[in-house]
Amino acid sequence: VPVGFGGQVLHVPDERTGGFQVIWKPASKVIGVPYDT
């Protein structure tokens, strides 16, 4: 699973609803690797 930190949040117009969609653009990412027990 990619996990983001930092960066900025964009508000993009949403034609479907007439409102806006929030998109997070992280400055950095960390990968989560699962181990099952």
PDB file of all heavy atoms in Angstrom:
ATOM      1  N   VAL A   1       0.852  -1.194   0.000  1.00  0.00           N
ATOM      2  CA  VAL A   1       0.000   0.000   0.000  1.00  0.00           C
ATOM      3  C   VAL A   1       0.887   1.244   0.000  1.00  0.00           C
ATOM      4  O   VAL A   1       1.772   1.370   0.856  1.00  0.00           O
ATOM      5  CB  VAL A   1      -0.912   0.026   1.250  1.00  0.00           C
ATOM      6  CG1 VAL A   1      -1.754   1.305   1.262  1.00  0.00           C
ATOM      7  CG2 VAL A   1      -1.803  -1.204   1.293  1.00  0.00           C
ATOM      8  N   PRO A   2       0.677   2.187  -0.932  1.00  0.00           N
ATOM      9  CA  PRO A   2       1.419   3.455  -0.887  1.00  0.00           C
ATOM     10  C   PRO A   2       0.789   4.401   0.129  1.00  0.00           C
ATOM     11  O   PRO A   2      -0.435   4.536   0.189  1.00  0.00           O
ATOM     12  CB  PRO A   2       1.284   3.991  -2.310  1.00  0.00           C
ATOM     13  CG  PRO A   2       0.003   3.406  -2.810  1.00  0.00           C
ATOM     14  CD  PRO A   2      -0.169   2.065  -2.136  1.00  0.00           C
ATOM     15  N   VAL A   3       1.616   5.039   0.929  1.00  0.00           N
ATOM     16  CA  VAL A   3       1.148   5.976   1.960  1.00  0.00           C
ATOM     17  C   VAL A   3       1.832   7.315   1.740  1.00  0.00           C
ATOM     18  O   VAL A   3       3.070   7.375   1.670  1.00  0.00           O
ATOM     19  CB  VAL A   3       1.463   5.452   3.379  1.00  0.00           C
ATOM     20  CG1 VAL A   3       0.998   6.461   4.436  1.00  0.00           C
ATOM     21  CG2 VAL A   3       0.809   4.100   3.601  1.00  0.00           C
ATOM     22  N   GLY A   4       1.037   8.378   1.635  1.00  0.00           N
ATOM     23  CA  GLY A   4       1.588   9.698   1.355  1.00  0.00           C
ATOM     24  C   GLY A   4       1.788  10.542   2.600  1.00  0.00           C
ATOM     25  O   GLY A   4       1.117  10.356   3.617  1.00  0.00           O
ATOM     26  N   PHE A   5       2.736  11.484   2.484  1.00  0.00           N
ATOM     27  CA  PHE A   5       2.979  12.481   3.533  1.00  0.00           C
ATOM     28  C   PHE A   5       3.256  13.825   2.868  1.00  0.00           C
ATOM     29  O   PHE A   5       3.914  13.905   1.824  1.00  0.00           O
ATOM     30  CB  PHE A   5       4.175  12.097   4.401  1.00  0.00           C
ATOM     31  CG  PHE A   5       3.961  10.884   5.257  1.00  0.00           C
ATOM     32  CD1 PHE A   5       4.496   9.659   4.902  1.00  0.00           C
ATOM     33  CD2 PHE A   5       3.213  10.970   6.428  1.00  0.00           C
ATOM     34  CE1 PHE A   5       4.300   8.537   5.685  1.00  0.00           C
ATOM     35  CE2 PHE A   5       2.998   9.846   7.219  1.00  0.00           C
ATOM     36  CZ  PHE A   5       3.546   8.628   6.843  1.00  0.00           C
ATOM     37  N   GLY A   6       2.765  14.900   3.515  1.00  0.00           N
ATOM     38  CA  GLY A   6       3.061  16.244   3.041  1.00  0.00           C
ATOM     39  C   GLY A   6       2.402  16.566   1.713  1.00  0.00           C
ATOM     40  O   GLY A   6       1.394  15.967   1.332  1.00  0.00           O
ATOM     41  N   GLY A   7       2.982  17.536   1.018  1.00  0.00           N
ATOM     42  CA  GLY A   7       2.466  17.923  -0.294  1.00  0.00           C
ATOM     43  C   GLY A   7       1.348  18.936  -0.216  1.00  0.00           C
ATOM     44  O   GLY A   7       1.288  19.748   0.710  1.00  0.00           O
ATOM     45  N   GLN A   8       0.439  18.869  -1.185  1.00  0.00           N
ATOM     46  CA  GLN A   8      -0.636  19.850  -1.261  1.00  0.00           C
ATOM     47  C   GLN A   8      -1.955  19.178  -1.632  1.00  0.00           C
ATOM     48  O   GLN A   8      -1.980  18.065  -2.160  1.00  0.00           O
ATOM     49  CB  GLN A   8      -0.299  20.929  -2.293  1.00  0.00           C
ATOM     50  CG  GLN A   8      -0.065  20.383  -3.685  1.00  0.00           C
ATOM     51  CD  GLN A   8       0.284  21.476  -4.685  1.00  0.00           C
ATOM     52  OE1 GLN A   8      -0.225  22.609  -4.575  1.00  0.00           O
ATOM     53  NE2 GLN A   8       1.118  21.165  -5.664  1.00  0.00           N
ATOM     54  N   VAL A   9      -3.046  19.905  -1.359  1.00  0.00           N
ATOM     55  CA  VAL A   9      -4.390  19.422  -1.664  1.00  0.00           C
ATOM     56  C   VAL A   9      -4.982  20.320  -2.748  1.00  0.00           C
ATOM     57  O   VAL A   9      -5.007  21.540  -2.604  1.00  0.00           O
ATOM     58  CB  VAL A   9      -5.284  19.441  -0.409  1.00  0.00           C
ATOM     59  CG1 VAL A   9      -6.714  19.074  -0.781  1.00  0.00           C
ATOM     60  CG2 VAL A   9      -4.748  18.478   0.633  1.00  0.00           C
ATOM     61  N   LEU A  10      -5.437  19.687  -3.829  1.00  0.00           N
ATOM     62  CA  LEU A  10      -6.014  20.427  -4.948  1.00  0.00           C
ATOM     63  C   LEU A  10      -7.529  20.280  -4.940  1.00  0.00           C
ATOM     64  O   LEU A  10      -8.059  19.211  -4.630  1.00  0.00           O
ATOM     65  CB  LEU A  10      -5.452  19.905  -6.271  1.00  0.00           C
ATOM     66  CG  LEU A  10      -3.929  19.888  -6.421  1.00  0.00           C
ATOM     67  CD1 LEU A  10      -3.545  19.311  -7.781  1.00  0.00           C
ATOM     68  CD2 LEU A  10      -3.353  21.285  -6.244  1.00  0.00           C
ATOM     69  N   HIS A  11      -8.220  21.353  -5.300  1.00  0.00           N
ATOM     70  CA  HIS A  11      -9.681  21.326  -5.439  1.00  0.00           C
ATOM     71  C   HIS A  11     -10.008  21.435  -6.927  1.00  0.00           C
ATOM     72  O   HIS A  11      -9.856  22.510  -7.523  1.00  0.00           O
ATOM     73  CB  HIS A  11     -10.324  22.465  -4.648  1.00  0.00           C
ATOM     74  CG  HIS A  11     -10.145  22.341  -3.179  1.00  0.00           C
ATOM     75  ND1 HIS A  11      -8.950  22.619  -2.548  1.00  0.00           N
ATOM     76  CD2 HIS A  11     -11.000  21.939  -2.200  1.00  0.00           C
ATOM     77  CE1 HIS A  11      -9.079  22.404  -1.243  1.00  0.00           C
ATOM     78  NE2 HIS A  11     -10.316  21.997  -1.009  1.00  0.00           N
ATOM     79  N   VAL A  12     -10.435  20.330  -7.508  1.00  0.00           N
ATOM     80  CA  VAL A  12     -10.670  20.244  -8.949  1.00  0.00           C
ATOM     81  C   VAL A  12     -12.171  20.270  -9.213  1.00  0.00           C
ATOM     82  O   VAL A  12     -12.923  19.531  -8.572  1.00  0.00           O
ATOM     83  CB  VAL A  12     -10.059  18.935  -9.513  1.00  0.00           C
ATOM     84  CG1 VAL A  12     -10.299  18.836 -11.017  1.00  0.00           C
ATOM     85  CG2 VAL A  12      -8.562  18.880  -9.199  1.00  0.00           C
ATOM     86  N   PRO A  13     -12.639  21.122 -10.138  1.00  0.00           N
ATOM     87  CA  PRO A  13     -14.081  21.159 -10.463  1.00  0.00           C
ATOM     88  C   PRO A  13     -14.593  19.780 -10.880  1.00  0.00           C
ATOM     89  O   PRO A  13     -13.933  19.052 -11.622  1.00  0.00           O
ATOM     90  CB  PRO A  13     -14.152  22.157 -11.624  1.00  0.00           C
ATOM     91  CG  PRO A  13     -12.942  23.021 -11.456  1.00  0.00           C
ATOM     92  CD  PRO A  13     -11.867  22.126 -10.906  1.00  0.00           C
ATOM     93  N   ASP A  14     -15.784  19.448 -10.392  1.00  0.00           N
ATOM     94  CA  ASP A  14     -16.400  18.160 -10.685  1.00  0.00           C
ATOM     95  C   ASP A  14     -17.656  18.405 -11.517  1.00  0.00           C
ATOM     96  O   ASP A  14     -18.668  18.877 -11.006  1.00  0.00           O
ATOM     97  CB  ASP A  14     -16.747  17.447  -9.381  1.00  0.00           C
ATOM     98  CG  ASP A  14     -17.250  16.031  -9.608  1.00  0.00           C
ATOM     99  OD1 ASP A  14     -17.577  15.697 -10.762  1.00  0.00           O
ATOM    100  OD2 ASP A  14     -17.332  15.256  -8.635  1.00  0.00           O
ATOM    101  N   GLU A  15     -17.586  18.079 -12.813  1.00  0.00           N
ATOM    102  CA  GLU A  15     -18.722  18.324 -13.706  1.00  0.00           C
ATOM    103  C   GLU A  15     -19.923  17.465 -13.349  1.00  0.00           C
ATOM    104  O   GLU A  15     -21.069  17.847 -13.579  1.00  0.00           O
ATOM    105  CB  GLU A  15     -18.295  18.056 -15.151  1.00  0.00           C
ATOM    106  CG  GLU A  15     -17.208  18.997 -15.657  1.00  0.00           C
ATOM    107  CD  GLU A  15     -16.829  18.687 -17.087  1.00  0.00           C
ATOM    108  OE1 GLU A  15     -17.391  17.725 -17.658  1.00  0.00           O
ATOM    109  OE2 GLU A  15     -15.960  19.405 -17.631  1.00  0.00           O
ATOM    110  N   ARG A  16     -19.661  16.288 -12.764  1.00  0.00           N
ATOM    111  CA  ARG A  16     -20.757  15.368 -12.456  1.00  0.00           C
ATOM    112  C   ARG A  16     -21.674  15.925 -11.379  1.00  0.00           C
ATOM    113  O   ARG A  16     -22.896  15.811 -11.448  1.00  0.00           O
ATOM    114  CB  ARG A  16     -20.187  14.022 -12.000  1.00  0.00           C
ATOM    115  CG  ARG A  16     -21.239  12.963 -11.683  1.00  0.00           C
ATOM    116  CD  ARG A  16     -20.565  11.634 -11.350  1.00  0.00           C
ATOM    117  NE  ARG A  16     -19.783  11.712 -10.133  1.00  0.00           N
ATOM    118  CZ  ARG A  16     -20.296  11.510  -8.908  1.00  0.00           C
ATOM    119  NH1 ARG A  16     -21.582  11.238  -8.763  1.00  0.00           N
ATOM    120  NH2 ARG A  16     -19.518  11.589  -7.843  1.00  0.00           N
ATOM    121  N   THR A  17     -21.099  16.561 -10.358  1.00  0.00           N
ATOM    122  CA  THR A  17     -21.890  17.062  -9.224  1.00  0.00           C
ATOM    123  C   THR A  17     -22.051  18.571  -9.240  1.00  0.00           C
ATOM    124  O   THR A  17     -22.873  19.117  -8.499  1.00  0.00           O
ATOM    125  CB  THR A  17     -21.227  16.658  -7.901  1.00  0.00           C
ATOM    126  OG1 THR A  17     -19.937  17.290  -7.797  1.00  0.00           O
ATOM    127  CG2 THR A  17     -21.050  15.148  -7.813  1.00  0.00           C
ATOM    128  N   GLY A  18     -21.255  19.250 -10.053  1.00  0.00           N
ATOM    129  CA  GLY A  18     -21.287  20.706 -10.037  1.00  0.00           C
ATOM    130  C   GLY A  18     -20.466  21.298  -8.906  1.00  0.00           C
ATOM    131  O   GLY A  18     -20.383  22.520  -8.773  1.00  0.00           O
ATOM    132  N   GLY A  19     -19.865  20.467  -8.110  1.00  0.00           N
ATOM    133  CA  GLY A  19     -19.024  20.931  -7.004  1.00  0.00           C
ATOM    134  C   GLY A  19     -17.558  20.771  -7.349  1.00  0.00           C
ATOM    135  O   GLY A  19     -17.123  21.158  -8.439  1.00  0.00           O
ATOM    136  N   PHE A  20     -16.801  20.228  -6.428  1.00  0.00           N
ATOM    137  CA  PHE A  20     -15.384  20.025  -6.689  1.00  0.00           C
ATOM    138  C   PHE A  20     -14.930  18.703  -6.074  1.00  0.00           C
ATOM    139  O   PHE A  20     -15.593  18.157  -5.186  1.00  0.00           O
ATOM    140  CB  PHE A  20     -14.542  21.178  -6.124  1.00  0.00           C
ATOM    141  CG  PHE A  20     -14.666  21.355  -4.636  1.00  0.00           C
ATOM    142  CD1 PHE A  20     -13.854  20.654  -3.759  1.00  0.00           C
ATOM    143  CD2 PHE A  20     -15.603  22.238  -4.105  1.00  0.00           C
ATOM    144  CE1 PHE A  20     -13.964  20.811  -2.392  1.00  0.00           C
ATOM    145  CE2 PHE A  20     -15.729  22.403  -2.730  1.00  0.00           C
ATOM    146  CZ  PHE A  20     -14.911  21.686  -1.875  1.00  0.00           C
ATOM    147  N   GLN A  21     -13.830  18.212  -6.573  1.00  0.00           N
ATOM    148  CA  GLN A  21     -13.220  16.997  -6.048  1.00  0.00           C
ATOM    149  C   GLN A  21     -11.888  17.355  -5.412  1.00  0.00           C
ATOM    150  O   GLN A  21     -11.131  18.166  -5.952  1.00  0.00           O
ATOM    151  CB  GLN A  21     -13.003  15.967  -7.165  1.00  0.00           C
ATOM    152  CG  GLN A  21     -12.384  14.665  -6.684  1.00  0.00           C
ATOM    153  CD  GLN A  21     -12.128  13.680  -7.812  1.00  0.00           C
ATOM    154  OE1 GLN A  21     -12.406  13.979  -8.972  1.00  0.00           O
ATOM    155  NE2 GLN A  21     -11.593  12.517  -7.471  1.00  0.00           N
ATOM    156  N   VAL A  22     -11.621  16.766  -4.262  1.00  0.00           N
ATOM    157  CA  VAL A  22     -10.366  17.014  -3.556  1.00  0.00           C
ATOM    158  C   VAL A  22      -9.349  15.949  -3.940  1.00  0.00           C
ATOM    159  O   VAL A  22      -9.626  14.754  -3.856  1.00  0.00           O
ATOM    160  CB  VAL A  22     -10.579  17.009  -2.024  1.00  0.00           C
ATOM    161  CG1 VAL A  22      -9.245  17.152  -1.298  1.00  0.00           C
ATOM    162  CG2 VAL A  22     -11.523  18.142  -1.627  1.00  0.00           C
ATOM    163  N   ILE A  23      -8.180  16.406  -4.382  1.00  0.00           N
ATOM    164  CA  ILE A  23      -7.113  15.486  -4.767  1.00  0.00           C
ATOM    165  C   ILE A  23      -5.859  15.828  -3.976  1.00  0.00           C
ATOM    166  O   ILE A  23      -5.393  16.974  -3.986  1.00  0.00           O
ATOM    167  CB  ILE A  23      -6.815  15.560  -6.279  1.00  0.00           C
ATOM    168  CG1 ILE A  23      -8.065  15.192  -7.084  1.00  0.00           C
ATOM    169  CG2 ILE A  23      -5.650  14.642  -6.648  1.00  0.00           C
ATOM    170  CD1 ILE A  23      -7.886  15.343  -8.580  1.00  0.00           C
ATOM    171  N   TRP A  24      -5.323  14.828  -3.281  1.00  0.00           N
ATOM    172  CA  TRP A  24      -4.103  15.018  -2.482  1.00  0.00           C
ATOM    173  C   TRP A  24      -2.893  14.633  -3.319  1.00  0.00           C
ATOM    174  O   TRP A  24      -2.826  13.528  -3.864  1.00  0.00           O
ATOM    175  CB  TRP A  24      -4.193  14.157  -1.213  1.00  0.00           C
ATOM    176  CG  TRP A  24      -3.005  14.245  -0.297  1.00  0.00           C
ATOM    177  CD1 TRP A  24      -2.032  15.196  -0.272  1.00  0.00           C
ATOM    178  CD2 TRP A  24      -2.675  13.343   0.768  1.00  0.00           C
ATOM    179  NE1 TRP A  24      -1.114  14.966   0.718  1.00  0.00           N
ATOM    180  CE2 TRP A  24      -1.488  13.825   1.373  1.00  0.00           C
ATOM    181  CE3 TRP A  24      -3.270  12.186   1.257  1.00  0.00           C
ATOM    182  CZ2 TRP A  24      -0.880  13.161   2.444  1.00  0.00           C
ATOM    183  CZ3 TRP A  24      -2.670  11.530   2.321  1.00  0.00           C
ATOM    184  CH2 TRP A  24      -1.488  12.020   2.918  1.00  0.00           C
ATOM    185  N   LYS A  25      -1.942  15.542  -3.417  1.00  0.00           N
ATOM    186  CA  LYS A  25      -0.675  15.292  -4.110  1.00  0.00           C
ATOM    187  C   LYS A  25       0.443  15.257  -3.065  1.00  0.00           C
ATOM    188  O   LYS A  25       1.021  16.288  -2.715  1.00  0.00           O
ATOM    189  CB  LYS A  25      -0.400  16.411  -5.131  1.00  0.00           C
ATOM    190  CG  LYS A  25      -1.424  16.508  -6.243  1.00  0.00           C
ATOM    191  CD  LYS A  25      -1.292  15.365  -7.223  1.00  0.00           C
ATOM    192  CE  LYS A  25      -2.202  15.547  -8.423  1.00  0.00           C
ATOM    193  NZ  LYS A  25      -2.102  14.428  -9.381  1.00  0.00           N
ATOM    194  N   PRO A  26       0.765  14.080  -2.528  1.00  0.00           N
ATOM    195  CA  PRO A  26       1.780  13.998  -1.464  1.00  0.00           C
ATOM    196  C   PRO A  26       3.166  14.410  -1.964  1.00  0.00           C
ATOM    197  O   PRO A  26       3.504  14.212  -3.143  1.00  0.00           O
ATOM    198  CB  PRO A  26       1.770  12.515  -1.072  1.00  0.00           C
ATOM    199  CG  PRO A  26       0.487  11.963  -1.612  1.00  0.00           C
ATOM    200  CD  PRO A  26       0.191  12.762  -2.841  1.00  0.00           C
ATOM    201  N   ALA A  27       3.957  14.943  -1.056  1.00  0.00           N
ATOM    202  CA  ALA A  27       5.337  15.298  -1.382  1.00  0.00           C
ATOM    203  C   ALA A  27       6.239  14.067  -1.359  1.00  0.00           C
ATOM    204  O   ALA A  27       7.253  14.016  -2.065  1.00  0.00           O
ATOM    205  CB  ALA A  27       5.856  16.339  -0.392  1.00  0.00           C
ATOM    206  N   SER A  28       5.882  13.089  -0.549  1.00  0.00           N
ATOM    207  CA  SER A  28       6.683  11.867  -0.466  1.00  0.00           C
ATOM    208  C   SER A  28       5.758  10.687  -0.200  1.00  0.00           C
ATOM    209  O   SER A  28       4.647  10.859   0.298  1.00  0.00           O
ATOM    210  CB  SER A  28       7.728  11.964   0.649  1.00  0.00           C
ATOM    211  OG  SER A  28       7.105  12.106   1.910  1.00  0.00           O
ATOM    212  N   LYS A  29       6.244   9.494  -0.542  1.00  0.00           N
ATOM    213  CA  LYS A  29       5.466   8.277  -0.323  1.00  0.00           C
ATOM    214  C   LYS A  29       6.318   7.206   0.342  1.00  0.00           C
ATOM    215  O   LYS A  29       7.520   7.128   0.124  1.00  0.00           O
ATOM    216  CB  LYS A  29       4.906   7.744  -1.645  1.00  0.00           C
ATOM    217  CG  LYS A  29       3.773   8.550  -2.223  1.00  0.00           C
ATOM    218  CD  LYS A  29       3.199   7.878  -3.458  1.00  0.00           C
ATOM    219  CE  LYS A  29       2.032   8.680  -4.026  1.00  0.00           C
ATOM    220  NZ  LYS A  29       1.472   8.035  -5.251  1.00  0.00           N
ATOM    221  N   VAL A  30       5.643   6.409   1.147  1.00  0.00           N
ATOM    222  CA  VAL A  30       6.241   5.236   1.775  1.00  0.00           C
ATOM    223  C   VAL A  30       5.389   4.035   1.375  1.00  0.00           C
ATOM    224  O   VAL A  30       4.169   4.162   1.224  1.00  0.00           O
ATOM    225  CB  VAL A  30       6.271   5.386   3.311  1.00  0.00           C
ATOM    226  CG1 VAL A  30       6.733   4.103   3.979  1.00  0.00           C
ATOM    227  CG2 VAL A  30       7.176   6.542   3.703  1.00  0.00           C
ATOM    228  N   ILE A  31       6.018   2.902   1.184  1.00  0.00           N
ATOM    229  CA  ILE A  31       5.294   1.692   0.810  1.00  0.00           C
ATOM    230  C   ILE A  31       5.104   0.819   2.049  1.00  0.00           C
ATOM    231  O   ILE A  31       6.068   0.514   2.765  1.00  0.00           O
ATOM    232  CB  ILE A  31       6.053   0.902  -0.278  1.00  0.00           C
ATOM    233  CG1 ILE A  31       6.304   1.784  -1.499  1.00  0.00           C
ATOM    234  CG2 ILE A  31       5.268  -0.354  -0.662  1.00  0.00           C
ATOM    235  CD1 ILE A  31       5.063   2.310  -2.160  1.00  0.00           C
ATOM    236  N   GLY A  32       3.863   0.438   2.307  1.00  0.00           N
ATOM    237  CA  GLY A  32       3.564  -0.480   3.402  1.00  0.00           C
ATOM    238  C   GLY A  32       3.532  -1.911   2.894  1.00  0.00           C
ATOM    239  O   GLY A  32       2.757  -2.230   1.996  1.00  0.00           O
ATOM    240  N   VAL A  33       4.381  -2.769   3.454  1.00  0.00           N
ATOM    241  CA  VAL A  33       4.445  -4.180   3.057  1.00  0.00           C
ATOM    242  C   VAL A  33       3.834  -5.019   4.174  1.00  0.00           C
ATOM    243  O   VAL A  33       4.304  -4.969   5.309  1.00  0.00           O
ATOM    244  CB  VAL A  33       5.892  -4.639   2.803  1.00  0.00           C
ATOM    245  CG1 VAL A  33       5.927  -6.095   2.348  1.00  0.00           C
ATOM    246  CG2 VAL A  33       6.562  -3.736   1.774  1.00  0.00           C
ATOM    247  N   PRO A  34       2.778  -5.786   3.882  1.00  0.00           N
ATOM    248  CA  PRO A  34       2.129  -6.569   4.940  1.00  0.00           C
ATOM    249  C   PRO A  34       2.821  -7.905   5.191  1.00  0.00           C
ATOM    250  O   PRO A  34       3.277  -8.570   4.257  1.00  0.00           O
ATOM    251  CB  PRO A  34       0.719  -6.790   4.392  1.00  0.00           C
ATOM    252  CG  PRO A  34       0.871  -6.745   2.907  1.00  0.00           C
ATOM    253  CD  PRO A  34       2.024  -5.823   2.612  1.00  0.00           C
ATOM    254  N   TYR A  35       2.870  -8.266   6.476  1.00  0.00           N
ATOM    255  CA  TYR A  35       3.355  -9.574   6.909  1.00  0.00           C
ATOM    256  C   TYR A  35       2.254 -10.209   7.750  1.00  0.00           C
ATOM    257  O   TYR A  35       1.808  -9.632   8.744  1.00  0.00           O
ATOM    258  CB  TYR A  35       4.632  -9.443   7.745  1.00  0.00           C
ATOM    259  CG  TYR A  35       5.861  -9.068   6.946  1.00  0.00           C
ATOM    260  CD1 TYR A  35       6.065  -7.762   6.521  1.00  0.00           C
ATOM    261  CD2 TYR A  35       6.824 -10.023   6.616  1.00  0.00           C
ATOM    262  CE1 TYR A  35       7.194  -7.407   5.785  1.00  0.00           C
ATOM    263  CE2 TYR A  35       7.950  -9.689   5.893  1.00  0.00           C
ATOM    264  CZ  TYR A  35       8.132  -8.376   5.477  1.00  0.00           C
ATOM    265  OH  TYR A  35       9.244  -8.049   4.751  1.00  0.00           O
ATOM    266  N   ASP A  36       1.797 -11.390   7.342  1.00  0.00           N
ATOM    267  CA  ASP A  36       0.670 -12.051   8.007  1.00  0.00           C
ATOM    268  C   ASP A  36       1.146 -13.148   8.952  1.00  0.00           C
ATOM    269  O   ASP A  36       2.004 -13.960   8.593  1.00  0.00           O
ATOM    270  CB  ASP A  36      -0.267 -12.668   6.976  1.00  0.00           C
ATOM    271  CG  ASP A  36      -1.062 -11.622   6.217  1.00  0.00           C
ATOM    272  OD1 ASP A  36      -0.960 -10.436   6.578  1.00  0.00           O
ATOM    273  OD2 ASP A  36      -1.774 -11.993   5.270  1.00  0.00           O
ATOM    274  N   THR A  37       0.560 -13.166  10.142  1.00  0.00           N
ATOM    275  CA  THR A  37       0.848 -14.185  11.146  1.00  0.00           C
ATOM    276  C   THR A  37      -0.460 -14.884  11.515  1.00  0.00           C
ATOM    277  O   THR A  37      -1.459 -14.214  11.792  1.00  0.00           O
ATOM    278  CB  THR A  37       1.457 -13.551  12.409  1.00  0.00           C
ATOM    279  OG1 THR A  37       2.691 -12.913  12.057  1.00  0.00           O
ATOM    280  CG2 THR A  37       1.716 -14.602  13.484  1.00  0.00           C
TER     281      THR A  37
END
